[in-house]
Amino acid sequence: QNIIEIIFREEAKYNSNDDKQTKATGKQAPKIARKPTKHTGAPVRLWAKAVFTGFRRSKVNQNSNQALLKIQGVNDAATSMFYWGKRAAYVYKAHSTKNNTKYRAIW
């Protein structure tokens, strides 16, 4: 989760229009106060289903630190770029309850 936050913060830094305007005119743009918005739509989905297809490998050697996943709804390299470097969790349902839940996760 910390890795994802860092990536998004750096991306926001490079996409800001304030830096472009400051470099072009030498003046900073006035700050506009935003009104708090009420979210009425569906909540944001923070996960995607995937199937473990194996480890990254060559003909002879296998690297068990790099897993290959088939992510649902991702069919080409351009859409897969969002998931590069993200962590994956194996979530399963156990028989007994621990921490008030039967679901467990292995990161």
Protein backbone atom coordinates (compact mmCIF):
# COMPACT_ATOMS: atom_id res chain seq x y z
CA GLN A 1 0.00 0.00 0.00
CA ASN A 2 2.86 2.39 0.74
CA ILE A 3 4.36 1.71 -2.68
CA ILE A 4 1.08 2.57 -4.42
CA GLU A 5 0.72 5.81 -2.47
CA ILE A 6 4.24 6.88 -3.43
CA ILE A 7 3.61 6.15 -7.10
CA PHE A 8 0.38 8.14 -7.15
CA ARG A 9 1.94 11.08 -5.29
CA GLU A 10 4.86 11.28 -7.72
CA GLU A 11 2.49 11.04 -10.68
CA ALA A 12 0.40 13.90 -9.31
CA LYS A 13 3.55 16.00 -8.87
CA TYR A 14 4.51 15.62 -12.52
CA ASN A 15 0.97 16.19 -13.83
CA SER A 16 0.34 19.48 -12.01
CA ASN A 17 -0.36 22.49 -14.20
CA ASP A 18 1.00 24.91 -11.60
CA ASP A 19 4.62 24.04 -12.47
CA LYS A 20 4.01 24.54 -16.19
CA GLN A 21 2.37 27.92 -15.67
CA THR A 22 5.08 29.05 -13.23
CA LYS A 23 7.82 28.21 -15.74
CA ALA A 24 5.98 29.90 -18.64
CA THR A 25 4.94 33.19 -16.98
CA GLY A 26 7.12 33.39 -13.89
CA LYS A 27 3.98 33.89 -11.75
CA GLN A 28 2.08 31.33 -9.73
CA ALA A 29 -1.59 30.72 -10.47
CA PRO A 30 -4.04 31.74 -7.72
CA LYS A 31 -5.23 28.85 -5.56
CA ILE A 32 -8.91 28.00 -5.98
CA ALA A 33 -10.72 26.66 -2.92
CA ARG A 34 -12.57 23.45 -3.65
CA LYS A 35 -15.94 22.70 -2.17
CA PRO A 36 -16.33 19.31 -0.50
CA THR A 37 -18.16 16.95 -2.83
CA LYS A 38 -20.60 14.26 -1.81
CA HIS A 39 -19.92 10.92 -3.46
CA THR A 40 -23.23 9.49 -4.61
CA GLY A 41 -21.94 6.89 -7.07
CA ALA A 42 -20.75 3.37 -6.45
CA PRO A 43 -17.62 2.89 -4.33
CA VAL A 44 -14.29 2.52 -6.07
CA ARG A 45 -13.16 -1.07 -6.62
CA LEU A 46 -9.69 -1.45 -5.14
CA TRP A 47 -9.01 -4.99 -6.32
CA ALA A 48 -9.13 -7.14 -9.45
CA LYS A 49 -9.48 -10.90 -9.79
CA ALA A 50 -6.47 -12.72 -11.18
CA VAL A 51 -5.27 -16.27 -11.76
CA PHE A 52 -1.72 -17.39 -10.98
CA THR A 53 -0.31 -18.85 -14.20
CA GLY A 54 3.24 -19.59 -13.02
CA PHE A 55 6.57 -17.98 -12.32
CA ARG A 56 8.65 -15.96 -14.75
CA ARG A 57 11.09 -18.36 -16.36
CA SER A 58 13.36 -19.17 -19.23
CA LYS A 59 13.79 -22.58 -20.80
CA VAL A 60 15.84 -23.90 -17.88
CA ASN A 61 15.73 -21.40 -14.99
CA GLN A 62 12.74 -20.24 -12.97
CA ASN A 63 12.53 -17.06 -10.86
CA SER A 64 10.14 -17.71 -7.97
CA ASN A 65 10.20 -14.02 -6.91
CA GLN A 66 8.30 -12.91 -10.02
CA ALA A 67 4.80 -14.34 -10.47
CA LEU A 68 2.86 -14.20 -13.73
CA LEU A 69 -0.83 -13.37 -13.31
CA LYS A 70 -3.75 -13.38 -15.72
CA ILE A 71 -5.81 -10.38 -14.57
CA GLN A 72 -9.51 -10.33 -15.38
CA GLY A 73 -10.33 -7.66 -17.97
CA VAL A 74 -6.70 -7.05 -18.97
CA ASN A 75 -6.06 -8.26 -22.50
CA ASP A 76 -3.13 -6.22 -23.84
CA ALA A 77 0.11 -4.65 -22.67
CA ALA A 78 -1.25 -1.09 -22.63
CA THR A 79 -3.94 -1.87 -20.04
CA SER A 80 -1.59 -4.06 -18.02
CA MET A 81 0.82 -1.16 -17.39
CA PHE A 82 -1.35 0.07 -14.48
CA TYR A 83 -0.68 -3.18 -12.58
CA TRP A 84 3.11 -3.24 -13.09
CA GLY A 85 4.88 -3.21 -9.72
CA LYS A 86 1.67 -3.62 -7.70
CA ARG A 87 1.50 -6.22 -4.95
CA ALA A 88 -0.82 -9.21 -5.19
CA ALA A 89 -2.62 -10.98 -2.35
CA TYR A 90 -3.84 -14.57 -2.31
CA VAL A 91 -7.21 -14.39 -0.51
CA TYR A 92 -8.89 -17.61 0.58
CA LYS A 93 -11.69 -18.76 2.88
CA ALA A 94 -10.69 -20.92 5.84
CA HIS A 95 -12.83 -23.21 7.97
CA SER A 96 -12.14 -21.63 11.38
CA THR A 97 -12.62 -17.99 12.38
CA LYS A 98 -9.60 -15.82 13.26
CA ASN A 99 -9.74 -12.07 13.88
CA ASN A 100 -13.56 -12.22 13.45
CA THR A 101 -13.31 -13.39 9.83
CA LYS A 102 -12.96 -16.64 7.90
CA TYR A 103 -11.07 -14.94 5.06
CA ARG A 104 -7.27 -14.93 5.09
CA ALA A 105 -4.71 -13.23 2.87
CA ILE A 106 -1.14 -14.06 1.95
CA TRP A 107 0.82 -11.13 0.51
